[in-house]
Structure formats: C-alpha cells, structure tokens
All heavy atoms as atom14 arrays in JSON, in Angstrom:
{
  "sequence": "KERELVALITSGGSTNYRDFAKDRFTISRDNAKNTVYLQMNSLKFED",
  "atom14_mask": [
    [1, 1, 1, 1, 1, 1, 1, 1, 1, 0, 0, 0, 0, 0],
    [1, 1, 1, 1, 1, 1, 1, 1, 1, 0, 0, 0, 0, 0],
    [1, 1, 1, 1, 1, 1, 1, 1, 1, 1, 1, 0, 0, 0],
    [1, 1, 1, 1, 1, 1, 1, 1, 1, 0, 0, 0, 0, 0],
    [1, 1, 1, 1, 1, 1, 1, 1, 0, 0, 0, 0, 0, 0],
    [1, 1, 1, 1, 1, 1, 1, 0, 0, 0, 0, 0, 0, 0],
    [1, 1, 1, 1, 1, 0, 0, 0, 0, 0, 0, 0, 0, 0],
    [1, 1, 1, 1, 1, 1, 1, 1, 0, 0, 0, 0, 0, 0],
    [1, 1, 1, 1, 1, 1, 1, 1, 0, 0, 0, 0, 0, 0],
    [1, 1, 1, 1, 1, 1, 1, 0, 0, 0, 0, 0, 0, 0],
    [1, 1, 1, 1, 1, 1, 0, 0, 0, 0, 0, 0, 0, 0],
    [1, 1, 1, 1, 0, 0, 0, 0, 0, 0, 0, 0, 0, 0],
    [1, 1, 1, 1, 0, 0, 0, 0, 0, 0, 0, 0, 0, 0],
    [1, 1, 1, 1, 1, 1, 0, 0, 0, 0, 0, 0, 0, 0],
    [1, 1, 1, 1, 1, 1, 1, 0, 0, 0, 0, 0, 0, 0],
    [1, 1, 1, 1, 1, 1, 1, 1, 0, 0, 0, 0, 0, 0],
    [1, 1, 1, 1, 1, 1, 1, 1, 1, 1, 1, 1, 0, 0],
    [1, 1, 1, 1, 1, 1, 1, 1, 1, 1, 1, 0, 0, 0],
    [1, 1, 1, 1, 1, 1, 1, 1, 0, 0, 0, 0, 0, 0],
    [1, 1, 1, 1, 1, 1, 1, 1, 1, 1, 1, 0, 0, 0],
    [1, 1, 1, 1, 1, 0, 0, 0, 0, 0, 0, 0, 0, 0],
    [1, 1, 1, 1, 1, 1, 1, 1, 1, 0, 0, 0, 0, 0],
    [1, 1, 1, 1, 1, 1, 1, 1, 0, 0, 0, 0, 0, 0],
    [1, 1, 1, 1, 1, 1, 1, 1, 1, 1, 1, 0, 0, 0],
    [1, 1, 1, 1, 1, 1, 1, 1, 1, 1, 1, 0, 0, 0],
    [1, 1, 1, 1, 1, 1, 1, 0, 0, 0, 0, 0, 0, 0],
    [1, 1, 1, 1, 1, 1, 1, 1, 0, 0, 0, 0, 0, 0],
    [1, 1, 1, 1, 1, 1, 0, 0, 0, 0, 0, 0, 0, 0],
    [1, 1, 1, 1, 1, 1, 1, 1, 1, 1, 1, 0, 0, 0],
    [1, 1, 1, 1, 1, 1, 1, 1, 0, 0, 0, 0, 0, 0],
    [1, 1, 1, 1, 1, 1, 1, 1, 0, 0, 0, 0, 0, 0],
    [1, 1, 1, 1, 1, 0, 0, 0, 0, 0, 0, 0, 0, 0],
    [1, 1, 1, 1, 1, 1, 1, 1, 1, 0, 0, 0, 0, 0],
    [1, 1, 1, 1, 1, 1, 1, 1, 0, 0, 0, 0, 0, 0],
    [1, 1, 1, 1, 1, 1, 1, 0, 0, 0, 0, 0, 0, 0],
    [1, 1, 1, 1, 1, 1, 1, 0, 0, 0, 0, 0, 0, 0],
    [1, 1, 1, 1, 1, 1, 1, 1, 1, 1, 1, 1, 0, 0],
    [1, 1, 1, 1, 1, 1, 1, 1, 0, 0, 0, 0, 0, 0],
    [1, 1, 1, 1, 1, 1, 1, 1, 1, 0, 0, 0, 0, 0],
    [1, 1, 1, 1, 1, 1, 1, 1, 0, 0, 0, 0, 0, 0],
    [1, 1, 1, 1, 1, 1, 1, 1, 0, 0, 0, 0, 0, 0],
    [1, 1, 1, 1, 1, 1, 0, 0, 0, 0, 0, 0, 0, 0],
    [1, 1, 1, 1, 1, 1, 1, 1, 0, 0, 0, 0, 0, 0],
    [1, 1, 1, 1, 1, 1, 1, 1, 1, 0, 0, 0, 0, 0],
    [1, 1, 1, 1, 1, 1, 1, 1, 1, 1, 1, 0, 0, 0],
    [1, 1, 1, 1, 1, 1, 1, 1, 1, 0, 0, 0, 0, 0],
    [1, 1, 1, 1, 1, 1, 1, 1, 0, 0, 0, 0, 0, 0]
  ],
  "atom14_positions": [
    [[0.83, -1.2, 0.0], [0.0, 0.0, 0.0], [0.87, 1.25, 0.0], [2.07, 1.18, 0.18], [-0.93, 0.0, 1.22], [-1.92, -1.15, 1.24], [-2.86, -1.03, 2.42], [-3.86, -2.17, 2.44], [-4.81, -2.07, 3.59], [0.0, 0.0, 0.0], [0.0, 0.0, 0.0], [0.0, 0.0, 0.0], [0.0, 0.0, 0.0], [0.0, 0.0, 0.0]],
    [[0.2, 2.39, -0.19], [0.94, 3.65, -0.21], [1.18, 4.16, 1.21], [0.5, 3.77, 2.17], [0.14, 4.69, -1.0], [-0.01, 4.35, -2.46], [-0.67, 5.47, -3.26], [-1.16, 6.43, -2.63], [-0.69, 5.38, -4.5], [0.0, 0.0, 0.0], [0.0, 0.0, 0.0], [0.0, 0.0, 0.0], [0.0, 0.0, 0.0], [0.0, 0.0, 0.0]],
    [[2.16, 5.04, 1.31], [2.48, 5.65, 2.58], [1.32, 6.55, 3.01], [0.74, 7.26, 2.19], [3.77, 6.46, 2.48], [4.35, 6.88, 3.79], [5.71, 7.55, 3.61], [6.68, 6.65, 2.99], [7.97, 6.95, 2.87], [8.44, 8.09, 3.35], [8.79, 6.1, 2.3], [0.0, 0.0, 0.0], [0.0, 0.0, 0.0], [0.0, 0.0, 0.0]],
    [[1.01, 6.52, 4.3], [-0.11, 7.31, 4.81], [0.24, 7.96, 6.13], [1.07, 7.46, 6.9], [-1.35, 6.41, 5.01], [-1.15, 5.28, 6.0], [-2.35, 4.35, 6.11], [-3.37, 4.59, 5.45], [-2.25, 3.38, 6.89], [0.0, 0.0, 0.0], [0.0, 0.0, 0.0], [0.0, 0.0, 0.0], [0.0, 0.0, 0.0], [0.0, 0.0, 0.0]],
    [[-0.39, 9.08, 6.38], [-0.18, 9.79, 7.64], [-0.75, 8.99, 8.81], [-1.83, 8.4, 8.71], [-0.87, 11.16, 7.59], [-0.92, 11.95, 8.88], [0.48, 12.41, 9.27], [-1.86, 13.14, 8.75], [0.0, 0.0, 0.0], [0.0, 0.0, 0.0], [0.0, 0.0, 0.0], [0.0, 0.0, 0.0], [0.0, 0.0, 0.0], [0.0, 0.0, 0.0]],
    [[-0.01, 8.97, 9.92], [-0.52, 8.4, 11.16], [-0.89, 9.53, 12.12], [-2.03, 9.61, 12.59], [0.52, 7.47, 11.82], [-0.02, 6.95, 13.15], [0.9, 6.34, 10.88], [0.0, 0.0, 0.0], [0.0, 0.0, 0.0], [0.0, 0.0, 0.0], [0.0, 0.0, 0.0], [0.0, 0.0, 0.0], [0.0, 0.0, 0.0], [0.0, 0.0, 0.0]],
    [[0.08, 10.4, 12.4], [-0.16, 11.49, 13.35], [0.89, 12.57, 13.16], [2.01, 12.29, 12.72], [-0.12, 10.97, 14.79], [0.0, 0.0, 0.0], [0.0, 0.0, 0.0], [0.0, 0.0, 0.0], [0.0, 0.0, 0.0], [0.0, 0.0, 0.0], [0.0, 0.0, 0.0], [0.0, 0.0, 0.0], [0.0, 0.0, 0.0], [0.0, 0.0, 0.0]],
    [[0.5, 13.79, 13.5], [1.4, 14.94, 13.44], [1.29, 15.72, 14.73], [0.21, 15.77, 15.35], [1.02, 15.87, 12.29], [1.48, 15.55, 10.88], [0.88, 16.56, 9.9], [2.99, 15.57, 10.79], [0.0, 0.0, 0.0], [0.0, 0.0, 0.0], [0.0, 0.0, 0.0], [0.0, 0.0, 0.0], [0.0, 0.0, 0.0], [0.0, 0.0, 0.0]],
    [[2.39, 16.39, 15.1], [2.36, 17.33, 16.21], [3.1, 18.58, 15.77], [4.21, 18.5, 15.24], [2.95, 16.71, 17.5], [2.83, 17.69, 18.65], [4.39, 16.25, 17.29], [3.09, 17.04, 20.03], [0.0, 0.0, 0.0], [0.0, 0.0, 0.0], [0.0, 0.0, 0.0], [0.0, 0.0, 0.0], [0.0, 0.0, 0.0], [0.0, 0.0, 0.0]],
    [[2.47, 19.72, 15.95], [3.06, 20.98, 15.5], [4.03, 21.52, 16.54], [4.1, 21.03, 17.67], [1.98, 22.02, 15.23], [1.4, 22.42, 16.48], [0.89, 21.48, 14.31], [0.0, 0.0, 0.0], [0.0, 0.0, 0.0], [0.0, 0.0, 0.0], [0.0, 0.0, 0.0], [0.0, 0.0, 0.0], [0.0, 0.0, 0.0], [0.0, 0.0, 0.0]],
    [[4.74, 22.56, 16.15], [5.66, 23.2, 17.08], [4.93, 23.78, 18.28], [5.51, 23.9, 19.36], [6.44, 24.3, 16.36], [5.54, 25.25, 15.81], [0.0, 0.0, 0.0], [0.0, 0.0, 0.0], [0.0, 0.0, 0.0], [0.0, 0.0, 0.0], [0.0, 0.0, 0.0], [0.0, 0.0, 0.0], [0.0, 0.0, 0.0], [0.0, 0.0, 0.0]],
    [[3.65, 24.1, 18.09], [2.86, 24.62, 19.18], [2.21, 23.56, 20.05], [1.56, 23.87, 21.05], [0.0, 0.0, 0.0], [0.0, 0.0, 0.0], [0.0, 0.0, 0.0], [0.0, 0.0, 0.0], [0.0, 0.0, 0.0], [0.0, 0.0, 0.0], [0.0, 0.0, 0.0], [0.0, 0.0, 0.0], [0.0, 0.0, 0.0], [0.0, 0.0, 0.0]],
    [[2.38, 22.3, 19.64], [1.84, 21.2, 20.44], [0.49, 20.67, 19.98], [-0.03, 19.72, 20.56], [0.0, 0.0, 0.0], [0.0, 0.0, 0.0], [0.0, 0.0, 0.0], [0.0, 0.0, 0.0], [0.0, 0.0, 0.0], [0.0, 0.0, 0.0], [0.0, 0.0, 0.0], [0.0, 0.0, 0.0], [0.0, 0.0, 0.0], [0.0, 0.0, 0.0]],
    [[-0.06, 21.24, 18.93], [-1.33, 20.72, 18.41], [-1.08, 19.39, 17.72], [-0.06, 19.2, 17.06], [-1.94, 21.71, 17.41], [-2.23, 22.94, 18.05], [0.0, 0.0, 0.0], [0.0, 0.0, 0.0], [0.0, 0.0, 0.0], [0.0, 0.0, 0.0], [0.0, 0.0, 0.0], [0.0, 0.0, 0.0], [0.0, 0.0, 0.0], [0.0, 0.0, 0.0]],
    [[-2.04, 18.49, 17.87], [-1.9, 17.16, 17.29], [-3.0, 16.88, 16.29], [-4.11, 17.43, 16.37], [-1.91, 16.08, 18.38], [-3.13, 16.19, 19.14], [-0.72, 16.23, 19.31], [0.0, 0.0, 0.0], [0.0, 0.0, 0.0], [0.0, 0.0, 0.0], [0.0, 0.0, 0.0], [0.0, 0.0, 0.0], [0.0, 0.0, 0.0], [0.0, 0.0, 0.0]],
    [[-2.68, 15.99, 15.38], [-3.64, 15.59, 14.35], [-3.45, 14.09, 14.11], [-2.32, 13.64, 13.89], [-3.38, 16.36, 13.06], [-4.34, 15.99, 11.96], [-5.47, 15.61, 12.22], [-3.91, 16.1, 10.72], [0.0, 0.0, 0.0], [0.0, 0.0, 0.0], [0.0, 0.0, 0.0], [0.0, 0.0, 0.0], [0.0, 0.0, 0.0], [0.0, 0.0, 0.0]],
    [[-4.53, 13.34, 14.19], [-4.48, 11.89, 14.03], [-5.41, 11.44, 12.91], [-6.5, 11.98, 12.72], [-4.94, 11.19, 15.31], [-4.07, 11.41, 16.52], [-4.31, 12.46, 17.4], [-3.02, 10.54, 16.8], [-3.52, 12.65, 18.51], [-2.21, 10.72, 17.91], [-2.48, 11.79, 18.76], [-1.69, 11.97, 19.87], [0.0, 0.0, 0.0], [0.0, 0.0, 0.0]],
    [[-4.96, 10.43, 12.19], [-5.88, 9.73, 11.31], [-6.87, 8.96, 12.16], [-6.59, 8.59, 13.31], [-5.12, 8.78, 10.39], [-4.28, 9.48, 9.34], [-5.11, 10.15, 8.28], [-5.97, 9.19, 7.6], [-5.58, 8.38, 6.62], [-4.32, 8.4, 6.22], [-6.43, 7.54, 6.07], [0.0, 0.0, 0.0], [0.0, 0.0, 0.0], [0.0, 0.0, 0.0]],
    [[-8.01, 8.68, 11.56], [-9.07, 8.03, 12.33], [-8.62, 6.71, 12.95], [-8.97, 6.39, 14.09], [-10.3, 7.78, 11.44], [-11.09, 9.06, 11.19], [-10.84, 10.05, 11.91], [-11.94, 9.06, 10.29], [0.0, 0.0, 0.0], [0.0, 0.0, 0.0], [0.0, 0.0, 0.0], [0.0, 0.0, 0.0], [0.0, 0.0, 0.0], [0.0, 0.0, 0.0]],
    [[-7.81, 5.93, 12.21], [-7.42, 4.61, 12.73], [-6.49, 4.74, 13.94], [-6.31, 3.78, 14.69], [-6.74, 3.76, 11.65], [-5.46, 4.33, 11.11], [-4.28, 4.23, 11.83], [-5.44, 4.98, 9.88], [-3.1, 4.75, 11.34], [-4.27, 5.5, 9.37], [-3.08, 5.39, 10.11], [0.0, 0.0, 0.0], [0.0, 0.0, 0.0], [0.0, 0.0, 0.0]],
    [[-5.89, 5.92, 14.12], [-4.95, 6.12, 15.21], [-5.59, 6.75, 16.45], [-5.02, 6.67, 17.55], [-3.79, 6.99, 14.74], [0.0, 0.0, 0.0], [0.0, 0.0, 0.0], [0.0, 0.0, 0.0], [0.0, 0.0, 0.0], [0.0, 0.0, 0.0], [0.0, 0.0, 0.0], [0.0, 0.0, 0.0], [0.0, 0.0, 0.0], [0.0, 0.0, 0.0]],
    [[-6.72, 7.36, 16.25], [-7.38, 8.02, 17.38], [-7.73, 6.99, 18.46], [-8.18, 5.91, 18.17], [-8.64, 8.73, 16.89], [-8.36, 9.93, 16.02], [-9.64, 10.59, 15.53], [-9.34, 11.78, 14.64], [-10.57, 12.4, 14.09], [0.0, 0.0, 0.0], [0.0, 0.0, 0.0], [0.0, 0.0, 0.0], [0.0, 0.0, 0.0], [0.0, 0.0, 0.0]],
    [[-7.54, 7.37, 19.7], [-7.86, 6.56, 20.89], [-6.91, 5.39, 21.1], [-7.01, 4.7, 22.12], [-9.31, 6.01, 20.8], [-10.34, 7.1, 20.73], [-10.14, 8.15, 21.38], [-11.33, 6.92, 20.01], [0.0, 0.0, 0.0], [0.0, 0.0, 0.0], [0.0, 0.0, 0.0], [0.0, 0.0, 0.0], [0.0, 0.0, 0.0], [0.0, 0.0, 0.0]],
    [[-5.99, 5.12, 20.15], [-5.03, 4.03, 20.35], [-3.59, 4.53, 20.34], [-2.73, 3.97, 21.02], [-5.19, 2.97, 19.26], [-6.53, 2.26, 19.27], [-6.51, 1.06, 18.33], [-6.21, 1.42, 16.95], [-5.27, 0.84, 16.21], [-4.51, -0.1, 16.71], [-5.07, 1.23, 14.95], [0.0, 0.0, 0.0], [0.0, 0.0, 0.0], [0.0, 0.0, 0.0]],
    [[-3.31, 5.56, 19.54], [-1.95, 6.06, 19.38], [-1.85, 7.46, 19.99], [-2.81, 8.23, 19.96], [-1.56, 6.16, 17.91], [-1.5, 4.84, 17.17], [-1.17, 4.84, 15.82], [-1.75, 3.64, 17.8], [-1.1, 3.64, 15.12], [-1.68, 2.44, 17.11], [-1.37, 2.45, 15.76], [0.0, 0.0, 0.0], [0.0, 0.0, 0.0], [0.0, 0.0, 0.0]],
    [[-0.67, 7.76, 20.52], [-0.42, 9.1, 21.06], [0.92, 9.59, 20.56], [1.94, 8.92, 20.74], [-0.41, 9.08, 22.59], [-1.66, 8.58, 23.08], [-0.21, 10.5, 23.13], [0.0, 0.0, 0.0], [0.0, 0.0, 0.0], [0.0, 0.0, 0.0], [0.0, 0.0, 0.0], [0.0, 0.0, 0.0], [0.0, 0.0, 0.0], [0.0, 0.0, 0.0]],
    [[0.91, 10.76, 19.92], [2.15, 11.38, 19.47], [2.56, 12.42, 20.49], [1.72, 13.13, 21.06], [1.99, 11.99, 18.06], [3.36, 12.4, 17.51], [1.0, 13.14, 18.06], [3.33, 12.79, 16.03], [0.0, 0.0, 0.0], [0.0, 0.0, 0.0], [0.0, 0.0, 0.0], [0.0, 0.0, 0.0], [0.0, 0.0, 0.0], [0.0, 0.0, 0.0]],
    [[3.86, 12.51, 20.73], [4.38, 13.5, 21.65], [5.78, 13.89, 21.21], [6.38, 13.22, 20.38], [4.39, 12.97, 23.09], [5.22, 11.83, 23.2], [0.0, 0.0, 0.0], [0.0, 0.0, 0.0], [0.0, 0.0, 0.0], [0.0, 0.0, 0.0], [0.0, 0.0, 0.0], [0.0, 0.0, 0.0], [0.0, 0.0, 0.0], [0.0, 0.0, 0.0]],
    [[6.27, 14.98, 21.79], [7.6, 15.43, 21.43], [8.32, 15.96, 22.66], [7.69, 16.49, 23.58], [7.56, 16.49, 20.33], [6.79, 17.73, 20.7], [6.56, 18.63, 19.49], [7.79, 19.28, 19.05], [7.88, 20.02, 17.94], [6.82, 20.18, 17.16], [9.01, 20.59, 17.6], [0.0, 0.0, 0.0], [0.0, 0.0, 0.0], [0.0, 0.0, 0.0]],
    [[9.62, 15.77, 22.66], [10.48, 16.32, 23.7], [11.38, 17.33, 23.02], [12.33, 16.95, 22.33], [11.28, 15.2, 24.37], [12.14, 15.69, 25.53], [12.54, 16.88, 25.52], [12.41, 14.89, 26.43], [0.0, 0.0, 0.0], [0.0, 0.0, 0.0], [0.0, 0.0, 0.0], [0.0, 0.0, 0.0], [0.0, 0.0, 0.0], [0.0, 0.0, 0.0]],
    [[11.07, 18.6, 23.18], [11.82, 19.63, 22.47], [13.27, 19.69, 22.92], [14.17, 19.98, 22.13], [11.15, 20.99, 22.65], [9.83, 21.08, 21.92], [9.64, 20.45, 20.88], [8.89, 21.84, 22.46], [0.0, 0.0, 0.0], [0.0, 0.0, 0.0], [0.0, 0.0, 0.0], [0.0, 0.0, 0.0], [0.0, 0.0, 0.0], [0.0, 0.0, 0.0]],
    [[13.51, 19.41, 24.18], [14.88, 19.46, 24.69], [15.75, 18.39, 24.03], [16.94, 18.61, 23.8], [14.88, 19.29, 26.21], [0.0, 0.0, 0.0], [0.0, 0.0, 0.0], [0.0, 0.0, 0.0], [0.0, 0.0, 0.0], [0.0, 0.0, 0.0], [0.0, 0.0, 0.0], [0.0, 0.0, 0.0], [0.0, 0.0, 0.0], [0.0, 0.0, 0.0]],
    [[15.14, 17.25, 23.75], [15.87, 16.14, 23.13], [15.68, 16.11, 21.63], [16.26, 15.25, 20.95], [15.43, 14.81, 23.73], [15.73, 14.65, 25.21], [15.29, 13.29, 25.71], [15.61, 13.09, 27.17], [15.17, 11.76, 27.68], [0.0, 0.0, 0.0], [0.0, 0.0, 0.0], [0.0, 0.0, 0.0], [0.0, 0.0, 0.0], [0.0, 0.0, 0.0]],
    [[14.86, 17.02, 21.1], [14.55, 17.02, 19.67], [14.11, 15.64, 19.2], [14.61, 15.1, 18.19], [15.76, 17.5, 18.85], [15.4, 18.68, 17.98], [14.37, 19.32, 18.15], [16.26, 18.99, 17.04], [0.0, 0.0, 0.0], [0.0, 0.0, 0.0], [0.0, 0.0, 0.0], [0.0, 0.0, 0.0], [0.0, 0.0, 0.0], [0.0, 0.0, 0.0]],
    [[13.2, 15.08, 19.94], [12.73, 13.72, 19.68], [11.21, 13.7, 19.63], [10.55, 14.38, 20.43], [13.23, 12.77, 20.78], [14.66, 12.78, 20.79], [12.74, 11.35, 20.54], [0.0, 0.0, 0.0], [0.0, 0.0, 0.0], [0.0, 0.0, 0.0], [0.0, 0.0, 0.0], [0.0, 0.0, 0.0], [0.0, 0.0, 0.0], [0.0, 0.0, 0.0]],
    [[10.69, 12.93, 18.7], [9.25, 12.74, 18.6], [8.95, 11.26, 18.86], [9.72, 10.38, 18.46], [8.71, 13.19, 17.23], [9.35, 12.44, 16.08], [7.19, 13.11, 17.18], [0.0, 0.0, 0.0], [0.0, 0.0, 0.0], [0.0, 0.0, 0.0], [0.0, 0.0, 0.0], [0.0, 0.0, 0.0], [0.0, 0.0, 0.0], [0.0, 0.0, 0.0]],
    [[7.85, 11.03, 19.55], [7.48, 9.68, 19.95], [6.11, 9.32, 19.4], [5.28, 10.19, 19.14], [7.43, 9.57, 21.48], [8.7, 9.96, 22.18], [8.86, 11.24, 22.69], [9.74, 9.05, 22.34], [10.02, 11.62, 23.34], [10.91, 9.41, 22.99], [11.04, 10.7, 23.49], [12.2, 11.06, 24.12], [0.0, 0.0, 0.0], [0.0, 0.0, 0.0]],
    [[5.88, 8.03, 19.24], [4.55, 7.53, 18.92], [4.29, 6.33, 19.81], [4.89, 5.27, 19.64], [4.44, 7.13, 17.44], [3.05, 6.7, 17.0], [2.09, 7.91, 17.02], [3.08, 6.09, 15.6], [0.0, 0.0, 0.0], [0.0, 0.0, 0.0], [0.0, 0.0, 0.0], [0.0, 0.0, 0.0], [0.0, 0.0, 0.0], [0.0, 0.0, 0.0]],
    [[3.42, 6.53, 20.78], [2.99, 5.44, 21.64], [1.81, 4.75, 20.97], [0.79, 5.39, 20.66], [2.58, 5.97, 23.01], [2.03, 4.91, 23.95], [3.09, 3.91, 24.38], [4.21, 4.28, 24.69], [2.73, 2.62, 24.39], [0.0, 0.0, 0.0], [0.0, 0.0, 0.0], [0.0, 0.0, 0.0], [0.0, 0.0, 0.0], [0.0, 0.0, 0.0]],
    [[1.96, 3.46, 20.72], [0.92, 2.7, 20.03], [0.4, 1.61, 20.95], [1.17, 0.74, 21.38], [1.48, 2.09, 18.74], [2.07, 3.12, 17.79], [2.54, 2.41, 16.2], [3.88, 1.33, 16.7], [0.0, 0.0, 0.0], [0.0, 0.0, 0.0], [0.0, 0.0, 0.0], [0.0, 0.0, 0.0], [0.0, 0.0, 0.0], [0.0, 0.0, 0.0]],
    [[-0.88, 1.68, 21.25], [-1.53, 0.69, 22.12], [-2.59, -0.07, 21.33], [-3.01, 0.36, 20.25], [-2.16, 1.39, 23.32], [-1.15, 2.12, 24.18], [-0.01, 1.7, 24.33], [-1.58, 3.23, 24.77], [0.0, 0.0, 0.0], [0.0, 0.0, 0.0], [0.0, 0.0, 0.0], [0.0, 0.0, 0.0], [0.0, 0.0, 0.0], [0.0, 0.0, 0.0]],
    [[-3.01, -1.18, 21.9], [-4.08, -1.99, 21.29], [-3.79, -2.26, 19.82], [-4.65, -2.08, 18.95], [-5.43, -1.27, 21.44], [-5.73, -1.02, 22.8], [0.0, 0.0, 0.0], [0.0, 0.0, 0.0], [0.0, 0.0, 0.0], [0.0, 0.0, 0.0], [0.0, 0.0, 0.0], [0.0, 0.0, 0.0], [0.0, 0.0, 0.0], [0.0, 0.0, 0.0]],
    [[-2.59, -2.67, 19.53], [-2.17, -2.87, 18.14], [-2.96, -3.98, 17.48], [-3.33, -4.98, 18.12], [-0.68, -3.15, 18.09], [0.18, -1.89, 18.28], [1.61, -2.26, 18.64], [0.17, -1.04, 17.02], [0.0, 0.0, 0.0], [0.0, 0.0, 0.0], [0.0, 0.0, 0.0], [0.0, 0.0, 0.0], [0.0, 0.0, 0.0], [0.0, 0.0, 0.0]],
    [[-3.23, -3.79, 16.2], [-4.01, -4.73, 15.4], [-3.14, -5.26, 14.26], [-2.12, -4.66, 13.9], [-5.22, -4.01, 14.82], [-6.11, -3.34, 15.85], [-7.24, -2.58, 15.18], [-8.13, -1.88, 16.2], [-9.23, -1.13, 15.54], [0.0, 0.0, 0.0], [0.0, 0.0, 0.0], [0.0, 0.0, 0.0], [0.0, 0.0, 0.0], [0.0, 0.0, 0.0]],
    [[-3.59, -6.37, 13.67], [-2.87, -6.93, 12.53], [-2.65, -5.87, 11.45], [-1.57, -5.8, 10.85], [-3.64, -8.11, 11.94], [-3.73, -9.31, 12.82], [-4.94, -9.77, 13.27], [-2.57, -10.01, 13.18], [-5.02, -10.9, 14.08], [-2.64, -11.14, 13.98], [-3.88, -11.58, 14.44], [0.0, 0.0, 0.0], [0.0, 0.0, 0.0], [0.0, 0.0, 0.0]],
    [[-3.67, -5.06, 11.21], [-3.59, -4.08, 10.13], [-2.67, -2.9, 10.42], [-2.47, -2.04, 9.56], [-5.0, -3.57, 9.77], [-5.79, -3.04, 10.95], [-6.73, -4.09, 11.53], [-6.33, -5.27, 11.63], [-7.87, -3.72, 11.9], [0.0, 0.0, 0.0], [0.0, 0.0, 0.0], [0.0, 0.0, 0.0], [0.0, 0.0, 0.0], [0.0, 0.0, 0.0]],
    [[-2.11, -2.86, 11.64], [-1.11, -1.83, 11.94], [0.29, -2.23, 11.45], [1.23, -1.42, 11.54], [-1.05, -1.56, 13.44], [-2.33, -0.93, 13.97], [-2.87, -0.03, 13.29], [-2.79, -1.34, 15.06], [0.0, 0.0, 0.0], [0.0, 0.0, 0.0], [0.0, 0.0, 0.0], [0.0, 0.0, 0.0], [0.0, 0.0, 0.0], [0.0, 0.0, 0.0]]
  ]
}
C-alpha cells in the first residue's frame, strides 16, 4: 500500500491523528531532546 499519515504534532503542540490512530496512538515530542514519539496501544494486525 501507499504511505499514509498516522499522526502529526506541530511546534505549538497541536496534534492531528488519522481516524485509525485516534484513541489508540499518542504522538508527543520532547523539544529538549529534539525527539518525537509515537505510543501505540491496542495494536491490530492491520497496523
């Protein structure tokens, strides 16, 4: 399949999730470490 968006977080901290990621995935960032994270819970085969 083609590449698709999962989640985004802006410099201001606003987040945007695709429907399949809502309520299961959480995006966050650590500005001090310049690192972005994606916590994925309740993973499914289709993930």
